[in-house]
């Protein structure tokens, strides 16, 4: 049994910071990946989806179009094909990524999506899921949101050059640190045989 921090909704386990809302779980880790070279610092941290998808919602003008970039760096899996990520951004075509496709741990990747608030609710849904035949524990390092006309490349984002021009820059890993000051009380019920 656990008593969760007071700002977390009991209905849906929701976390909200600024324009970003995370639904259904707050697992994350700081300094999980160690990419080499000049890389945006957000590639070090991750949000975890432990046996479930990672689901974010980003506040945008209703019905607007945005370029959404999702960043990944896999330091754990030893070979390709073990963790395949299925990424969904509202209004865009889904994309798949094997973060070990180049057989290099800590390799950084950014995938770009032409997102659109298709349901016109002022929120852009972003989700990372596992494919049916891979590790169900998915991850996401960072989210960037740009205007629909922004001229930005994956390489600019990876190096950090694209970040100052974003409408939204979100490092997914520190969520756990954000709620760390709030006490959580866990209780374990045990029956002992005599």
Protein backbone atom coordinates (compact mmCIF):
# COMPACT_ATOMS: atom_id res chain seq x y z
CA UNK A 1 0.00 0.00 0.00
CA UNK A 2 1.30 3.48 -0.68
CA UNK A 3 0.20 7.01 0.08
CA UNK A 4 1.17 9.08 -2.94
CA UNK A 5 2.32 12.72 -2.96
CA UNK A 6 -0.54 15.23 -2.65
CA UNK A 7 -0.27 16.79 -6.13
CA UNK A 8 -0.76 13.44 -7.87
CA UNK A 9 -4.34 12.80 -8.86
CA UNK A 10 -5.82 9.59 -7.50
CA UNK A 11 -7.78 9.32 -10.75
CA UNK A 12 -5.26 8.46 -13.43
CA UNK A 13 -1.99 9.08 -11.56
CA UNK A 14 -1.41 12.42 -13.28
CA UNK A 15 1.53 14.81 -13.02
CA UNK A 16 1.41 18.37 -14.40
CA UNK A 17 4.27 20.83 -14.88
CA UNK A 18 3.65 23.95 -16.92
CA UNK A 19 2.34 22.94 -20.35
CA UNK A 20 3.22 19.26 -19.91
CA UNK A 21 1.03 16.59 -18.36
CA UNK A 22 2.14 13.01 -17.79
CA UNK A 23 -0.49 10.33 -17.33
CA UNK A 24 -0.36 6.87 -15.81
CA UNK A 25 2.94 6.67 -13.97
CA UNK A 26 5.89 8.79 -12.93
CA UNK A 27 8.82 6.39 -13.19
CA UNK A 28 12.04 8.00 -14.32
CA UNK A 29 15.79 8.00 -13.83
CA UNK A 30 18.51 10.65 -13.82
CA UNK A 31 21.91 9.95 -15.44
CA UNK A 32 20.69 6.72 -17.05
CA UNK A 33 22.50 7.20 -20.34
CA UNK A 34 25.99 8.56 -21.02
CA UNK A 35 26.13 9.69 -24.65
CA UNK A 36 29.55 10.79 -25.83
CA UNK A 37 30.41 14.05 -27.55
CA UNK A 38 28.38 17.23 -27.65
CA UNK A 39 24.81 16.17 -26.83
CA UNK A 40 21.82 17.89 -25.31
CA UNK A 41 21.93 17.07 -21.55
CA UNK A 42 18.35 15.71 -21.62
CA UNK A 43 19.69 12.54 -23.29
CA UNK A 44 21.14 11.50 -19.92
CA UNK A 45 17.73 11.22 -18.22
CA UNK A 46 14.65 9.12 -18.98
CA UNK A 47 11.00 8.60 -18.24
CA UNK A 48 10.21 4.90 -17.77
CA UNK A 49 7.07 3.11 -18.81
CA UNK A 50 7.28 0.01 -16.64
CA UNK A 51 5.12 -2.59 -18.41
CA UNK A 52 2.97 0.22 -19.79
CA UNK A 53 3.16 3.03 -22.35
CA UNK A 54 4.54 6.47 -21.54
CA UNK A 55 1.81 9.04 -22.17
CA UNK A 56 2.26 12.81 -22.21
CA UNK A 57 -0.08 15.64 -23.18
CA UNK A 58 1.29 19.04 -24.20
CA UNK A 59 -0.83 22.21 -24.11
CA UNK A 60 -1.04 23.85 -27.55
CA UNK A 61 -3.50 26.21 -29.26
CA UNK A 62 -6.59 24.19 -30.24
CA UNK A 63 -6.35 22.58 -33.69
CA UNK A 64 -2.75 23.81 -34.16
CA UNK A 65 0.02 21.99 -36.02
CA UNK A 66 3.46 21.49 -34.45
CA UNK A 67 6.74 19.75 -35.17
CA UNK A 68 7.35 17.37 -32.28
CA UNK A 69 10.76 15.81 -31.67
CA UNK A 70 11.26 12.81 -29.39
CA UNK A 71 14.75 11.94 -28.12
CA UNK A 72 16.18 8.56 -27.13
CA UNK A 73 19.49 7.06 -25.89
CA UNK A 74 19.69 3.36 -24.92
CA UNK A 75 22.57 2.39 -22.59
CA UNK A 76 21.26 -0.95 -21.38
CA UNK A 77 20.25 -3.38 -24.13
CA UNK A 78 23.27 -5.19 -25.62
CA UNK A 79 21.99 -5.79 -29.16
CA UNK A 80 19.35 -4.75 -31.71
CA UNK A 81 15.80 -6.09 -31.63
CA UNK A 82 15.39 -6.29 -27.87
CA UNK A 83 13.47 -3.06 -27.25
CA UNK A 84 11.45 -1.63 -30.15
CA UNK A 85 9.69 1.66 -29.43
CA UNK A 86 6.38 2.51 -31.12
CA UNK A 87 5.91 6.28 -31.03
CA UNK A 88 2.61 8.06 -31.51
CA UNK A 89 2.11 11.81 -31.79
CA UNK A 90 -1.42 13.04 -32.31
CA UNK A 91 -2.13 13.86 -35.95
CA UNK A 92 1.14 12.30 -37.22
CA UNK A 93 2.07 8.95 -38.72
CA UNK A 94 3.40 6.49 -36.08
CA UNK A 95 7.10 5.63 -36.18
CA UNK A 96 9.16 2.73 -34.84
CA UNK A 97 12.67 2.92 -33.43
CA UNK A 98 15.12 0.27 -32.34
CA UNK A 99 17.46 2.39 -30.17
CA UNK A 100 20.18 -0.24 -30.70
CA UNK A 101 19.79 -0.37 -34.49
CA UNK A 102 23.37 0.86 -34.97
CA UNK A 103 24.64 -1.61 -32.34
CA UNK A 104 26.01 1.26 -30.21
CA UNK A 105 24.92 1.78 -26.61
CA UNK A 106 24.20 5.41 -25.63
CA UNK A 107 23.69 6.37 -29.28
CA UNK A 108 21.33 9.37 -29.48
CA UNK A 109 18.33 9.50 -31.80
CA UNK A 110 15.69 12.12 -32.49
CA UNK A 111 12.56 11.39 -34.47
CA UNK A 112 10.51 14.26 -35.90
CA UNK A 113 6.71 14.22 -36.22
CA UNK A 114 4.30 16.60 -37.94
CA UNK A 115 1.82 16.68 -35.09
CA UNK A 116 -1.65 18.20 -35.11
CA UNK A 117 -4.24 18.70 -32.40
CA UNK A 118 -6.70 16.52 -34.33
CA UNK A 119 -9.41 16.44 -31.65
CA UNK A 120 -9.13 20.23 -31.10
CA UNK A 121 -8.97 19.94 -27.32
CA UNK A 122 -5.87 22.14 -26.94
CA UNK A 123 -3.69 19.18 -25.96
CA UNK A 124 -1.27 17.25 -28.16
CA UNK A 125 -1.02 13.58 -27.14
CA UNK A 126 2.41 11.92 -27.23
CA UNK A 127 2.83 8.24 -26.49
CA UNK A 128 5.66 5.70 -26.53
CA UNK A 129 4.60 2.04 -26.52
CA UNK A 130 6.36 -1.30 -26.81
CA UNK A 131 5.83 -3.43 -29.86
CA UNK A 132 4.16 -6.76 -29.18
CA UNK A 133 7.35 -8.84 -29.38
CA UNK A 134 9.84 -6.63 -27.51
CA UNK A 135 10.67 -5.50 -23.97
CA UNK A 136 7.50 -3.93 -22.49
CA UNK A 137 9.52 -1.38 -20.51
CA UNK A 138 9.72 1.65 -22.79
CA UNK A 139 11.58 4.92 -22.23
CA UNK A 140 11.73 8.50 -23.48
CA UNK A 141 14.51 11.00 -22.81
CA UNK A 142 13.08 14.30 -24.00
CA UNK A 143 10.36 16.15 -25.90
CA UNK A 144 10.80 19.24 -28.06
CA UNK A 145 7.93 21.14 -29.69
CA UNK A 146 8.49 23.60 -32.55
CA UNK A 147 6.20 25.72 -34.70
CA UNK A 148 4.95 23.91 -37.81
CA UNK A 149 7.28 26.04 -40.00
CA UNK A 150 10.43 25.65 -37.91
CA UNK A 151 13.57 24.71 -39.83
CA UNK A 152 15.18 22.25 -37.48
CA UNK A 153 17.02 18.97 -37.98
CA UNK A 154 17.52 15.96 -35.74
CA UNK A 155 21.27 16.72 -35.62
CA UNK A 156 20.63 20.27 -34.36
CA UNK A 157 18.38 18.94 -31.62
CA UNK A 158 20.81 16.18 -30.58
CA UNK A 159 23.68 18.66 -30.21
CA UNK A 160 21.52 21.15 -28.32
CA UNK A 161 21.55 23.76 -31.10
CA UNK A 162 17.83 23.37 -31.76
CA UNK A 163 16.78 23.72 -28.13
CA UNK A 164 16.85 27.55 -27.81
CA UNK A 165 14.40 27.83 -30.74
CA UNK A 166 11.80 25.50 -29.28
CA UNK A 167 8.35 26.43 -28.10
CA UNK A 168 8.69 23.66 -25.53
CA UNK A 169 11.70 21.76 -24.22
CA UNK A 170 10.99 18.99 -21.73
CA UNK A 171 13.60 16.78 -20.05
CA UNK A 172 11.59 13.71 -19.02
CA UNK A 173 13.94 12.29 -16.38
CA UNK A 174 13.72 14.74 -13.46
CA UNK A 175 10.02 14.12 -12.79
CA UNK A 176 10.94 11.88 -9.86
CA UNK A 177 13.09 14.65 -8.40
CA UNK A 178 10.23 17.11 -8.77
CA UNK A 179 8.05 15.16 -6.37
CA UNK A 180 10.87 13.88 -4.11
CA UNK A 181 10.23 16.56 -1.40
CA UNK A 182 6.77 15.12 -0.85
CA UNK A 183 6.69 12.23 1.59
CA UNK A 184 5.49 8.86 0.39
CA UNK A 185 4.49 6.31 2.97
CA UNK A 186 4.57 2.63 2.10
CA UNK A 187 3.08 -0.14 4.19
CA UNK A 188 3.64 -3.86 3.83
CA UNK A 189 1.16 -6.36 5.23
CA UNK A 190 2.84 -9.62 6.23
CA UNK A 191 1.62 -12.88 7.72
CA UNK A 192 4.20 -14.99 9.55
CA UNK A 193 3.80 -18.72 10.08
CA UNK A 194 4.72 -19.89 13.57
